[in-house]
Amino acid sequence: MARYIINRNAQSEGYHEVHNENTCNHLPDLQNRVAVGEHSSCSGAVAATRQVNPQLNIDGCYYCSTACHTR
């Protein structure tokens, strides 16, 4: 299981990125990380984030959550 976080700050297109905290080399600054929890894949982390934050646009990180990256 990997530990996932979401970036508190939206990217230029308005999407908040989900990152694998264990492996990503492009993590946001510590103060901008919000814990999502442990998941077996980025899709579980994205789904959990959307459930808790339905108002946010969520996307996977291009570098560590490529299977969930759509933008």
N, C-alpha and C. Protein backbone atom coordinates (compact mmCIF):
# COMPACT_ATOMS: atom_id res chain seq x y z
N MET A 1 0.84 -1.18 0.00
CA MET A 1 0.00 0.00 0.00
C MET A 1 0.89 1.25 0.00
N ALA A 2 0.49 2.20 -0.77
CA ALA A 2 1.22 3.47 -0.87
C ALA A 2 0.46 4.56 -0.14
N ARG A 3 1.21 5.52 0.37
CA ARG A 3 0.63 6.67 1.05
C ARG A 3 0.42 7.78 0.01
N TYR A 4 -0.80 8.28 -0.08
CA TYR A 4 -1.14 9.32 -1.04
C TYR A 4 -1.49 10.62 -0.35
N ILE A 5 -1.19 11.72 -1.06
CA ILE A 5 -1.54 13.06 -0.60
C ILE A 5 -2.14 13.82 -1.78
N ILE A 6 -2.81 14.91 -1.46
CA ILE A 6 -3.31 15.80 -2.50
C ILE A 6 -2.68 17.17 -2.27
N ASN A 7 -2.42 17.86 -3.34
CA ASN A 7 -1.87 19.21 -3.26
C ASN A 7 -3.00 20.17 -2.91
N ARG A 8 -2.83 20.90 -1.83
CA ARG A 8 -3.83 21.89 -1.39
C ARG A 8 -4.02 22.98 -2.45
N ASN A 9 -2.97 23.26 -3.20
CA ASN A 9 -3.02 24.28 -4.25
C ASN A 9 -3.37 23.65 -5.59
N ALA A 10 -4.27 24.28 -6.31
CA ALA A 10 -4.63 23.80 -7.64
C ALA A 10 -3.55 24.18 -8.64
N GLN A 11 -3.39 23.35 -9.66
CA GLN A 11 -2.48 23.65 -10.75
C GLN A 11 -3.12 24.72 -11.64
N SER A 12 -2.43 25.15 -12.66
CA SER A 12 -2.89 26.25 -13.50
C SER A 12 -4.25 26.00 -14.15
N GLU A 13 -4.60 24.76 -14.39
CA GLU A 13 -5.89 24.43 -15.01
C GLU A 13 -6.98 24.20 -13.97
N GLY A 14 -6.67 24.41 -12.68
CA GLY A 14 -7.68 24.29 -11.64
C GLY A 14 -7.81 22.90 -11.03
N TYR A 15 -6.88 22.01 -11.32
CA TYR A 15 -6.92 20.65 -10.80
C TYR A 15 -5.95 20.47 -9.64
N HIS A 16 -6.41 19.77 -8.63
CA HIS A 16 -5.57 19.41 -7.49
C HIS A 16 -5.01 18.02 -7.77
N GLU A 17 -3.70 17.87 -7.68
CA GLU A 17 -3.06 16.61 -8.04
C GLU A 17 -2.89 15.68 -6.84
N VAL A 18 -3.16 14.40 -7.09
CA VAL A 18 -2.92 13.34 -6.11
C VAL A 18 -1.52 12.79 -6.38
N HIS A 19 -0.72 12.67 -5.32
CA HIS A 19 0.66 12.20 -5.42
C HIS A 19 0.88 10.98 -4.53
N ASN A 20 1.74 10.08 -5.00
CA ASN A 20 2.21 8.96 -4.19
C ASN A 20 3.36 9.50 -3.35
N GLU A 21 3.11 9.67 -2.07
CA GLU A 21 4.11 10.29 -1.19
C GLU A 21 5.37 9.44 -1.05
N ASN A 22 5.25 8.15 -1.27
CA ASN A 22 6.39 7.25 -1.12
C ASN A 22 7.39 7.34 -2.28
N THR A 23 6.91 7.69 -3.47
CA THR A 23 7.77 7.59 -4.65
C THR A 23 7.92 8.86 -5.47
N CYS A 24 7.07 9.85 -5.28
CA CYS A 24 7.06 11.01 -6.17
C CYS A 24 8.24 11.95 -5.91
N ASN A 25 8.84 12.40 -6.99
CA ASN A 25 9.91 13.39 -6.93
C ASN A 25 9.40 14.80 -7.19
N HIS A 26 8.08 14.94 -7.30
CA HIS A 26 7.47 16.24 -7.59
C HIS A 26 6.38 16.57 -6.58
N LEU A 27 6.67 16.31 -5.31
CA LEU A 27 5.70 16.57 -4.24
C LEU A 27 5.57 18.06 -3.97
N PRO A 28 4.37 18.48 -3.56
CA PRO A 28 4.22 19.88 -3.15
C PRO A 28 4.95 20.12 -1.82
N ASP A 29 5.13 21.38 -1.46
CA ASP A 29 5.73 21.72 -0.18
C ASP A 29 4.92 21.10 0.95
N LEU A 30 5.57 20.82 2.07
CA LEU A 30 4.92 20.16 3.20
C LEU A 30 3.63 20.85 3.63
N GLN A 31 3.62 22.16 3.67
CA GLN A 31 2.43 22.88 4.13
C GLN A 31 1.26 22.78 3.15
N ASN A 32 1.51 22.31 1.93
CA ASN A 32 0.46 22.18 0.92
C ASN A 32 -0.01 20.74 0.72
N ARG A 33 0.47 19.82 1.55
CA ARG A 33 0.09 18.41 1.43
C ARG A 33 -1.07 18.09 2.37
N VAL A 34 -2.08 17.43 1.81
CA VAL A 34 -3.22 16.95 2.60
C VAL A 34 -3.26 15.44 2.44
N ALA A 35 -3.23 14.72 3.55
CA ALA A 35 -3.20 13.26 3.52
C ALA A 35 -4.50 12.70 2.93
N VAL A 36 -4.35 11.74 2.04
CA VAL A 36 -5.48 11.03 1.45
C VAL A 36 -5.60 9.64 2.08
N GLY A 37 -4.48 9.09 2.52
CA GLY A 37 -4.47 7.77 3.15
C GLY A 37 -3.69 6.77 2.32
N GLU A 38 -3.72 5.53 2.77
CA GLU A 38 -3.01 4.45 2.07
C GLU A 38 -3.97 3.74 1.13
N HIS A 39 -3.50 3.54 -0.10
CA HIS A 39 -4.31 2.91 -1.14
C HIS A 39 -3.41 2.01 -1.97
N SER A 40 -4.00 1.02 -2.59
CA SER A 40 -3.23 0.09 -3.41
C SER A 40 -2.92 0.66 -4.79
N SER A 41 -3.64 1.72 -5.19
CA SER A 41 -3.39 2.34 -6.49
C SER A 41 -3.84 3.80 -6.46
N CYS A 42 -3.43 4.53 -7.47
CA CYS A 42 -3.83 5.94 -7.55
C CYS A 42 -5.33 6.06 -7.77
N SER A 43 -5.95 5.10 -8.44
CA SER A 43 -7.39 5.20 -8.69
C SER A 43 -8.18 5.17 -7.38
N GLY A 44 -7.74 4.37 -6.43
CA GLY A 44 -8.38 4.35 -5.11
C GLY A 44 -8.19 5.66 -4.39
N ALA A 45 -7.00 6.25 -4.51
CA ALA A 45 -6.71 7.52 -3.86
C ALA A 45 -7.53 8.65 -4.49
N VAL A 46 -7.64 8.65 -5.81
CA VAL A 46 -8.44 9.67 -6.50
C VAL A 46 -9.91 9.54 -6.11
N ALA A 47 -10.43 8.31 -6.09
CA ALA A 47 -11.84 8.08 -5.73
C ALA A 47 -12.11 8.53 -4.29
N ALA A 48 -11.20 8.21 -3.38
CA ALA A 48 -11.38 8.61 -1.98
C ALA A 48 -11.34 10.12 -1.84
N THR A 49 -10.47 10.77 -2.58
CA THR A 49 -10.36 12.22 -2.53
C THR A 49 -11.62 12.88 -3.08
N ARG A 50 -12.14 12.35 -4.17
CA ARG A 50 -13.37 12.89 -4.76
C ARG A 50 -14.57 12.71 -3.82
N GLN A 51 -14.59 11.62 -3.10
CA GLN A 51 -15.70 11.36 -2.19
C GLN A 51 -15.70 12.38 -1.03
N VAL A 52 -14.52 12.70 -0.52
CA VAL A 52 -14.41 13.63 0.60
C VAL A 52 -14.48 15.09 0.13
N ASN A 53 -14.02 15.34 -1.09
CA ASN A 53 -13.96 16.71 -1.63
C ASN A 53 -14.65 16.78 -2.99
N PRO A 54 -15.96 16.59 -3.06
CA PRO A 54 -16.64 16.55 -4.37
C PRO A 54 -16.58 17.88 -5.13
N GLN A 55 -16.30 18.97 -4.45
CA GLN A 55 -16.24 20.27 -5.11
C GLN A 55 -14.92 20.51 -5.84
N LEU A 56 -13.91 19.69 -5.58
CA LEU A 56 -12.59 19.88 -6.19
C LEU A 56 -12.45 19.11 -7.49
N ASN A 57 -11.70 19.66 -8.42
CA ASN A 57 -11.28 18.94 -9.61
C ASN A 57 -10.01 18.19 -9.24
N ILE A 58 -10.02 16.87 -9.39
CA ILE A 58 -8.91 16.02 -8.96
C ILE A 58 -8.27 15.36 -10.18
N ASP A 59 -6.95 15.28 -10.16
CA ASP A 59 -6.20 14.61 -11.22
C ASP A 59 -5.00 13.92 -10.60
N GLY A 60 -4.51 12.90 -11.24
CA GLY A 60 -3.31 12.22 -10.78
C GLY A 60 -2.06 12.95 -11.26
N CYS A 61 -1.01 12.87 -10.48
CA CYS A 61 0.26 13.47 -10.85
C CYS A 61 0.82 12.79 -12.11
N TYR A 62 1.32 13.60 -13.02
CA TYR A 62 1.92 13.10 -14.25
C TYR A 62 3.09 12.17 -13.98
N TYR A 63 3.84 12.41 -12.91
CA TYR A 63 5.07 11.68 -12.64
C TYR A 63 4.88 10.42 -11.79
N CYS A 64 3.97 10.45 -10.82
CA CYS A 64 3.85 9.31 -9.91
C CYS A 64 2.50 8.60 -9.97
N SER A 65 1.51 9.22 -10.56
CA SER A 65 0.17 8.62 -10.67
C SER A 65 -0.30 8.68 -12.12
N THR A 66 0.56 8.22 -13.00
CA THR A 66 0.31 8.35 -14.44
C THR A 66 -0.96 7.66 -14.90
N ALA A 67 -1.34 6.58 -14.28
CA ALA A 67 -2.57 5.88 -14.67
C ALA A 67 -3.80 6.73 -14.40
N CYS A 68 -3.68 7.70 -13.50
CA CYS A 68 -4.80 8.56 -13.12
C CYS A 68 -4.66 9.97 -13.65
N HIS A 69 -3.60 10.24 -14.38
CA HIS A 69 -3.37 11.57 -14.93
C HIS A 69 -4.18 11.74 -16.22
N THR A 70 -5.06 12.73 -16.24
CA THR A 70 -5.92 12.93 -17.41
C THR A 70 -5.75 14.29 -18.06
N ARG A 71 -5.05 15.21 -17.44
CA ARG A 71 -4.92 16.59 -17.95
C ARG A 71 -3.55 16.86 -18.45
